[in-house]
PDB file of N, CA and C in Angstrom:
ATOM      1  N   MET A   1      63.227 -14.450  32.387  1.00  0.00           N
ATOM      2  CA  MET A   1      62.704 -13.983  31.115  1.00  0.00           C
ATOM      3  C   MET A   1      63.644 -14.308  29.975  1.00  0.00           C
ATOM      4  N   ALA A   2      64.701 -14.960  30.222  1.00  0.00           N
ATOM      5  CA  ALA A   2      65.603 -15.431  29.163  1.00  0.00           C
ATOM      6  C   ALA A   2      66.099 -14.309  28.254  1.00  0.00           C
ATOM      7  N   GLY A   3      66.408 -13.174  28.826  1.00  0.00           N
ATOM      8  CA  GLY A   3      66.946 -12.077  28.039  1.00  0.00           C
ATOM      9  C   GLY A   3      65.904 -11.240  27.315  1.00  0.00           C
ATOM     10  N   ALA A   4      64.640 -11.492  27.547  1.00  0.00           N
ATOM     11  CA  ALA A   4      63.578 -10.717  26.900  1.00  0.00           C
ATOM     12  C   ALA A   4      63.301  -9.453  27.702  1.00  0.00           C
ATOM     13  N   SER A   5      62.878  -8.428  27.004  1.00  0.00           N
ATOM     14  CA  SER A   5      62.451  -7.211  27.689  1.00  0.00           C
ATOM     15  C   SER A   5      61.021  -7.429  28.190  1.00  0.00           C
ATOM     16  N   PRO A   6      60.562  -6.618  29.146  1.00  0.00           N
ATOM     17  CA  PRO A   6      59.178  -6.783  29.610  1.00  0.00           C
ATOM     18  C   PRO A   6      58.155  -6.720  28.471  1.00  0.00           C
ATOM     19  N   GLY A   7      58.397  -5.885  27.476  1.00  0.00           N
ATOM     20  CA  GLY A   7      57.472  -5.778  26.348  1.00  0.00           C
ATOM     21  C   GLY A   7      57.450  -7.001  25.453  1.00  0.00           C
ATOM     22  N   GLN A   8      58.446  -7.865  25.586  1.00  0.00           N
ATOM     23  CA  GLN A   8      58.506  -9.093  24.799  1.00  0.00           C
ATOM     24  C   GLN A   8      57.992 -10.304  25.576  1.00  0.00           C
ATOM     25  N   ALA A   9      57.673 -10.112  26.837  1.00  0.00           N
ATOM     26  CA  ALA A   9      57.270 -11.224  27.706  1.00  0.00           C
ATOM     27  C   ALA A   9      55.760 -11.283  27.865  1.00  0.00           C
ATOM     28  N   VAL A  10      55.272 -12.460  28.245  1.00  0.00           N
ATOM     29  CA  VAL A  10      53.865 -12.679  28.552  1.00  0.00           C
ATOM     30  C   VAL A  10      53.809 -13.451  29.867  1.00  0.00           C
ATOM     31  N   MET A  11      52.913 -13.044  30.770  1.00  0.00           N
ATOM     32  CA  MET A  11      52.704 -13.741  32.033  1.00  0.00           C
ATOM     33  C   MET A  11      51.334 -14.372  31.997  1.00  0.00           C
ATOM     34  N   VAL A  12      51.263 -15.693  32.108  1.00  0.00           N
ATOM     35  CA  VAL A  12      49.993 -16.403  32.207  1.00  0.00           C
ATOM     36  C   VAL A  12      49.837 -16.803  33.663  1.00  0.00           C
ATOM     37  N   GLY A  13      48.781 -16.339  34.298  1.00  0.00           N
ATOM     38  CA  GLY A  13      48.583 -16.654  35.707  1.00  0.00           C
ATOM     39  C   GLY A  13      47.122 -16.679  36.092  1.00  0.00           C
ATOM     40  N   ASP A  14      46.831 -17.354  37.210  1.00  0.00           N
ATOM     41  CA  ASP A  14      45.443 -17.510  37.643  1.00  0.00           C
ATOM     42  C   ASP A  14      45.030 -16.558  38.764  1.00  0.00           C
ATOM     43  N   SER A  15      45.943 -15.777  39.274  1.00  0.00           N
ATOM     44  CA  SER A  15      45.613 -14.823  40.328  1.00  0.00           C
ATOM     45  C   SER A  15      45.600 -13.412  39.746  1.00  0.00           C
ATOM     46  N   TRP A  16      44.427 -12.776  39.801  1.00  0.00           N
ATOM     47  CA  TRP A  16      44.345 -11.414  39.265  1.00  0.00           C
ATOM     48  C   TRP A  16      45.273 -10.491  40.039  1.00  0.00           C
ATOM     49  N   GLU A  17      45.195 -10.556  41.365  1.00  0.00           N
ATOM     50  CA  GLU A  17      45.948  -9.635  42.201  1.00  0.00           C
ATOM     51  C   GLU A  17      47.456  -9.837  42.082  1.00  0.00           C
ATOM     52  N   VAL A  18      47.906 -11.075  42.056  1.00  0.00           N
ATOM     53  CA  VAL A  18      49.339 -11.362  42.044  1.00  0.00           C
ATOM     54  C   VAL A  18      49.886 -11.419  40.616  1.00  0.00           C
ATOM     55  N   ASP A  19      49.319 -12.271  39.795  1.00  0.00           N
ATOM     56  CA  ASP A  19      49.872 -12.515  38.464  1.00  0.00           C
ATOM     57  C   ASP A  19      49.562 -11.393  37.470  1.00  0.00           C
ATOM     58  N   VAL A  20      48.286 -11.067  37.334  1.00  0.00           N
ATOM     59  CA  VAL A  20      47.887 -10.076  36.330  1.00  0.00           C
ATOM     60  C   VAL A  20      48.346  -8.675  36.738  1.00  0.00           C
ATOM     61  N   ALA A  21      47.995  -8.259  37.944  1.00  0.00           N
ATOM     62  CA  ALA A  21      48.388  -6.918  38.390  1.00  0.00           C
ATOM     63  C   ALA A  21      49.908  -6.797  38.481  1.00  0.00           C
ATOM     64  N   GLY A  22      50.562  -7.847  38.938  1.00  0.00           N
ATOM     65  CA  GLY A  22      52.028  -7.824  39.025  1.00  0.00           C
ATOM     66  C   GLY A  22      52.682  -7.671  37.667  1.00  0.00           C
ATOM     67  N   ALA A  23      52.188  -8.427  36.689  1.00  0.00           N
ATOM     68  CA  ALA A  23      52.735  -8.327  35.332  1.00  0.00           C
ATOM     69  C   ALA A  23      52.525  -6.927  34.760  1.00  0.00           C
ATOM     70  N   MET A  24      51.304  -6.414  34.909  1.00  0.00           N
ATOM     71  CA  MET A  24      51.028  -5.074  34.388  1.00  0.00           C
ATOM     72  C   MET A  24      51.913  -4.034  35.067  1.00  0.00           C
ATOM     73  N   GLY A  25      52.190  -4.236  36.343  1.00  0.00           N
ATOM     74  CA  GLY A  25      53.003  -3.293  37.090  1.00  0.00           C
ATOM     75  C   GLY A  25      54.434  -3.165  36.602  1.00  0.00           C
ATOM     76  N   VAL A  26      54.932  -4.200  35.926  1.00  0.00           N
ATOM     77  CA  VAL A  26      56.306  -4.149  35.417  1.00  0.00           C
ATOM     78  C   VAL A  26      56.362  -4.141  33.892  1.00  0.00           C
ATOM     79  N   GLY A  27      55.205  -3.920  33.243  1.00  0.00           N
ATOM     80  CA  GLY A  27      55.179  -3.773  31.790  1.00  0.00           C
ATOM     81  C   GLY A  27      55.131  -5.067  31.010  1.00  0.00           C
ATOM     82  N   ILE A  28      54.750  -6.169  31.670  1.00  0.00           N
ATOM     83  CA  ILE A  28      54.607  -7.458  30.989  1.00  0.00           C
ATOM     84  C   ILE A  28      53.138  -7.656  30.639  1.00  0.00           C
ATOM     85  N   ARG A  29      52.862  -8.141  29.426  1.00  0.00           N
ATOM     86  CA  ARG A  29      51.470  -8.391  29.014  1.00  0.00           C
ATOM     87  C   ARG A  29      50.936  -9.612  29.746  1.00  0.00           C
ATOM     88  N   PRO A  30      49.852  -9.451  30.519  1.00  0.00           N
ATOM     89  CA  PRO A  30      49.291 -10.589  31.232  1.00  0.00           C
ATOM     90  C   PRO A  30      48.210 -11.301  30.422  1.00  0.00           C
ATOM     91  N   VAL A  31      48.084 -12.591  30.670  1.00  0.00           N
ATOM     92  CA  VAL A  31      46.953 -13.389  30.200  1.00  0.00           C
ATOM     93  C   VAL A  31      46.397 -14.052  31.454  1.00  0.00           C
ATOM     94  N   TRP A  32      45.128 -13.807  31.742  1.00  0.00           N
ATOM     95  CA  TRP A  32      44.502 -14.315  32.946  1.00  0.00           C
ATOM     96  C   TRP A  32      43.924 -15.695  32.693  1.00  0.00           C
ATOM     97  N   TYR A  33      44.426 -16.703  33.418  1.00  0.00           N
ATOM     98  CA  TYR A  33      43.854 -18.046  33.370  1.00  0.00           C
ATOM     99  C   TYR A  33      42.720 -18.068  34.381  1.00  0.00           C
ATOM    100  N   ASN A  34      41.488 -18.126  33.895  1.00  0.00           N
ATOM    101  CA  ASN A  34      40.291 -17.970  34.711  1.00  0.00           C
ATOM    102  C   ASN A  34      39.330 -19.128  34.453  1.00  0.00           C
ATOM    103  N   PRO A  35      39.670 -20.350  34.911  1.00  0.00           N
ATOM    104  CA  PRO A  35      38.848 -21.511  34.595  1.00  0.00           C
ATOM    105  C   PRO A  35      37.464 -21.485  35.229  1.00  0.00           C
ATOM    106  N   THR A  36      37.272 -20.697  36.278  1.00  0.00           N
ATOM    107  CA  THR A  36      35.972 -20.652  36.952  1.00  0.00           C
ATOM    108  C   THR A  36      35.047 -19.583  36.392  1.00  0.00           C
ATOM    109  N   GLY A  37      35.566 -18.722  35.517  1.00  0.00           N
ATOM    110  CA  GLY A  37      34.742 -17.659  34.947  1.00  0.00           C
ATOM    111  C   GLY A  37      34.451 -16.537  35.930  1.00  0.00           C
ATOM    112  N   ALA A  38      35.353 -16.310  36.868  1.00  0.00           N
ATOM    113  CA  ALA A  38      35.181 -15.227  37.837  1.00  0.00           C
ATOM    114  C   ALA A  38      35.087 -13.888  37.113  1.00  0.00           C
ATOM    115  N   ALA A  39      34.369 -12.955  37.725  1.00  0.00           N
ATOM    116  CA  ALA A  39      34.224 -11.628  37.128  1.00  0.00           C
ATOM    117  C   ALA A  39      35.550 -10.884  37.191  1.00  0.00           C
ATOM    118  N   ALA A  40      35.893 -10.257  36.102  1.00  0.00           N
ATOM    119  CA  ALA A  40      37.105  -9.442  36.043  1.00  0.00           C
ATOM    120  C   ALA A  40      36.795  -8.053  36.578  1.00  0.00           C
ATOM    121  N   PRO A  41      37.798  -7.365  37.068  1.00  0.00           N
ATOM    122  CA  PRO A  41      37.585  -5.987  37.518  1.00  0.00           C
ATOM    123  C   PRO A  41      37.048  -5.110  36.382  1.00  0.00           C
ATOM    124  N   ALA A  42      36.311  -4.086  36.746  1.00  0.00           N
ATOM    125  CA  ALA A  42      35.742  -3.164  35.768  1.00  0.00           C
ATOM    126  C   ALA A  42      36.851  -2.537  34.928  1.00  0.00           C
ATOM    127  N   GLY A  43      36.582  -2.363  33.651  1.00  0.00           N
ATOM    128  CA  GLY A  43      37.543  -1.745  32.754  1.00  0.00           C
ATOM    129  C   GLY A  43      38.637  -2.691  32.291  1.00  0.00           C
ATOM    130  N   ASN A  44      38.475  -3.971  32.558  1.00  0.00           N
ATOM    131  CA  ASN A  44      39.470  -4.976  32.203  1.00  0.00           C
ATOM    132  C   ASN A  44      39.652  -5.086  30.699  1.00  0.00           C
ATOM    133  N   THR A  45      40.899  -5.069  30.253  1.00  0.00           N
ATOM    134  CA  THR A  45      41.219  -5.285  28.838  1.00  0.00           C
ATOM    135  C   THR A  45      42.220  -6.415  28.673  1.00  0.00           C
ATOM    136  N   VAL A  46      42.377  -7.235  29.716  1.00  0.00           N
ATOM    137  CA  VAL A  46      43.351  -8.320  29.719  1.00  0.00           C
ATOM    138  C   VAL A  46      42.787  -9.540  28.992  1.00  0.00           C
ATOM    139  N   SER A  47      43.617 -10.188  28.184  1.00  0.00           N
ATOM    140  CA  SER A  47      43.209 -11.426  27.521  1.00  0.00           C
ATOM    141  C   SER A  47      42.961 -12.485  28.579  1.00  0.00           C
ATOM    142  N   GLU A  48      42.001 -13.353  28.319  1.00  0.00           N
ATOM    143  CA  GLU A  48      41.579 -14.343  29.302  1.00  0.00           C
ATOM    144  C   GLU A  48      41.488 -15.726  28.670  1.00  0.00           C
ATOM    145  N   LEU A  49      41.921 -16.722  29.423  1.00  0.00           N
ATOM    146  CA  LEU A  49      41.769 -18.121  29.034  1.00  0.00           C
ATOM    147  C   LEU A  49      40.954 -18.827  30.103  1.00  0.00           C
ATOM    148  N   ARG A  50      39.985 -19.626  29.684  1.00  0.00           N
ATOM    149  CA  ARG A  50      39.227 -20.425  30.642  1.00  0.00           C
ATOM    150  C   ARG A  50      39.640 -21.881  30.585  1.00  0.00           C
ATOM    151  N   SER A  51      40.428 -22.214  29.590  1.00  0.00           N
ATOM    152  CA  SER A  51      40.939 -23.572  29.416  1.00  0.00           C
ATOM    153  C   SER A  51      42.191 -23.471  28.556  1.00  0.00           C
ATOM    154  N   PHE A  52      43.007 -24.480  28.614  1.00  0.00           N
ATOM    155  CA  PHE A  52      44.168 -24.530  27.734  1.00  0.00           C
ATOM    156  C   PHE A  52      43.867 -25.366  26.487  1.00  0.00           C
ATOM    157  N   LEU A  53      42.609 -25.740  26.308  1.00  0.00           N
ATOM    158  CA  LEU A  53      42.184 -26.487  25.134  1.00  0.00           C
ATOM    159  C   LEU A  53      41.139 -25.670  24.398  1.00  0.00           C
ATOM    160  N   PRO A  54      41.063 -25.636  23.119  1.00  0.00           N
ATOM    161  CA  PRO A  54      42.003 -26.243  22.192  1.00  0.00           C
ATOM    162  C   PRO A  54      43.338 -25.494  22.197  1.00  0.00           C
ATOM    163  N   THR A  55      44.369 -26.230  22.013  1.00  0.00           N
ATOM    164  CA  THR A  55      45.724 -25.710  22.138  1.00  0.00           C
ATOM    165  C   THR A  55      46.016 -24.568  21.180  1.00  0.00           C
ATOM    166  N   ILE A  56      45.574 -24.641  19.952  1.00  0.00           N
ATOM    167  CA  ILE A  56      45.889 -23.598  18.973  1.00  0.00           C
ATOM    168  C   ILE A  56      45.296 -22.259  19.394  1.00  0.00           C
ATOM    169  N   GLU A  57      44.068 -22.264  19.912  1.00  0.00           N
ATOM    170  CA  GLU A  57      43.458 -21.013  20.377  1.00  0.00           C
ATOM    171  C   GLU A  57      44.201 -20.473  21.595  1.00  0.00           C
ATOM    172  N   THR A  58      44.640 -21.362  22.461  1.00  0.00           N
ATOM    173  CA  THR A  58      45.408 -20.951  23.633  1.00  0.00           C
ATOM    174  C   THR A  58      46.692 -20.259  23.204  1.00  0.00           C
ATOM    175  N   LEU A  59      47.401 -20.851  22.273  1.00  0.00           N
ATOM    176  CA  LEU A  59      48.640 -20.239  21.785  1.00  0.00           C
ATOM    177  C   LEU A  59      48.388 -18.899  21.121  1.00  0.00           C
ATOM    178  N   GLU A  60      47.291 -18.762  20.393  1.00  0.00           N
ATOM    179  CA  GLU A  60      46.972 -17.491  19.757  1.00  0.00           C
ATOM    180  C   GLU A  60      46.747 -16.406  20.803  1.00  0.00           C
ATOM    181  N   VAL A  61      46.068 -16.751  21.901  1.00  0.00           N
ATOM    182  CA  VAL A  61      45.831 -15.771  22.956  1.00  0.00           C
ATOM    183  C   VAL A  61      47.140 -15.409  23.643  1.00  0.00           C
ATOM    184  N   ILE A  62      47.934 -16.412  23.977  1.00  0.00           N
ATOM    185  CA  ILE A  62      49.201 -16.161  24.669  1.00  0.00           C
ATOM    186  C   ILE A  62      50.150 -15.360  23.789  1.00  0.00           C
ATOM    187  N   LEU A  63      50.213 -15.689  22.525  1.00  0.00           N
ATOM    188  CA  LEU A  63      51.130 -14.999  21.619  1.00  0.00           C
ATOM    189  C   LEU A  63      50.591 -13.659  21.138  1.00  0.00           C
ATOM    190  N   GLY A  64      49.335 -13.370  21.419  1.00  0.00           N
ATOM    191  CA  GLY A  64      48.776 -12.066  21.117  1.00  0.00           C
ATOM    192  C   GLY A  64      48.005 -11.952  19.830  1.00  0.00           C
ATOM    193  N   ALA A  65      47.894 -13.006  19.051  1.00  0.00           N
ATOM    194  CA  ALA A  65      47.188 -12.919  17.777  1.00  0.00           C
ATOM    195  C   ALA A  65      45.720 -12.569  17.975  1.00  0.00           C
ATOM    196  N   CYS A  66      45.126 -13.019  19.061  1.00  0.00           N
ATOM    197  CA  CYS A  66      43.712 -12.763  19.302  1.00  0.00           C
ATOM    198  C   CYS A  66      43.470 -11.635  20.287  1.00  0.00           C
ATOM    199  N   ALA A  67      44.488 -11.216  21.006  1.00  0.00           N
ATOM    200  CA  ALA A  67      44.304 -10.228  22.072  1.00  0.00           C
ATOM    201  C   ALA A  67      43.697  -8.930  21.562  1.00  0.00           C
ATOM    202  N   ALA A  68      44.136  -8.461  20.429  1.00  0.00           N
ATOM    203  CA  ALA A  68      43.636  -7.193  19.892  1.00  0.00           C
ATOM    204  C   ALA A  68      42.167  -7.288  19.494  1.00  0.00           C
ATOM    205  N   GLU A  69      41.695  -8.494  19.192  1.00  0.00           N
ATOM    206  CA  GLU A  69      40.314  -8.680  18.778  1.00  0.00           C
ATOM    207  C   GLU A  69      39.407  -9.041  19.954  1.00  0.00           C
ATOM    208  N   GLY A  70      39.985  -9.220  21.143  1.00  0.00           N
ATOM    209  CA  GLY A  70      39.190  -9.553  22.327  1.00  0.00           C
ATOM    210  C   GLY A  70      38.674 -10.971  22.338  1.00  0.00           C
ATOM    211  N   ILE A  71      39.301 -11.865  21.593  1.00  0.00           N
ATOM    212  CA  ILE A  71      38.863 -13.253  21.549  1.00  0.00           C
ATOM    213  C   ILE A  71      39.296 -13.961  22.816  1.00  0.00           C
ATOM    214  N   VAL A  72      38.390 -14.712  23.402  1.00  0.00           N
ATOM    215  CA  VAL A  72      38.693 -15.489  24.602  1.00  0.00           C
ATOM    216  C   VAL A  72      38.553 -16.957  24.239  1.00  0.00           C
ATOM    217  N   ALA A  73      39.583 -17.734  24.465  1.00  0.00           N
ATOM    218  CA  ALA A  73      39.503 -19.171  24.208  1.00  0.00           C
ATOM    219  C   ALA A  73      38.746 -19.823  25.343  1.00  0.00           C
ATOM    220  N   ARG A  74      37.754 -20.613  25.006  1.00  0.00           N
ATOM    221  CA  ARG A  74      36.948 -21.316  26.010  1.00  0.00           C
ATOM    222  C   ARG A  74      36.868 -22.781  25.693  1.00  0.00           C
ATOM    223  N   LYS A  75      36.677 -23.560  26.726  1.00  0.00           N
ATOM    224  CA  LYS A  75      36.546 -25.009  26.568  1.00  0.00           C
ATOM    225  C   LYS A  75      35.215 -25.339  25.949  1.00  0.00           C
TER     226      LYS A  75
END
């Protein structure tokens, strides 16, 4: 984490059980990479990416600019 606290870190991962749940378990904000459009667990409030394009929208989701508004970047 390069000296960052968990609250300053972001975990981008494609496994809900390992990446997303693991990040939430240690206080890191997760971003779920979900290229197949799989259903998220009920009550999900995690930011989601289905593609890394367009790049600017991807960065906004990862950096949190869109997370509060529930915006999902899609291809």
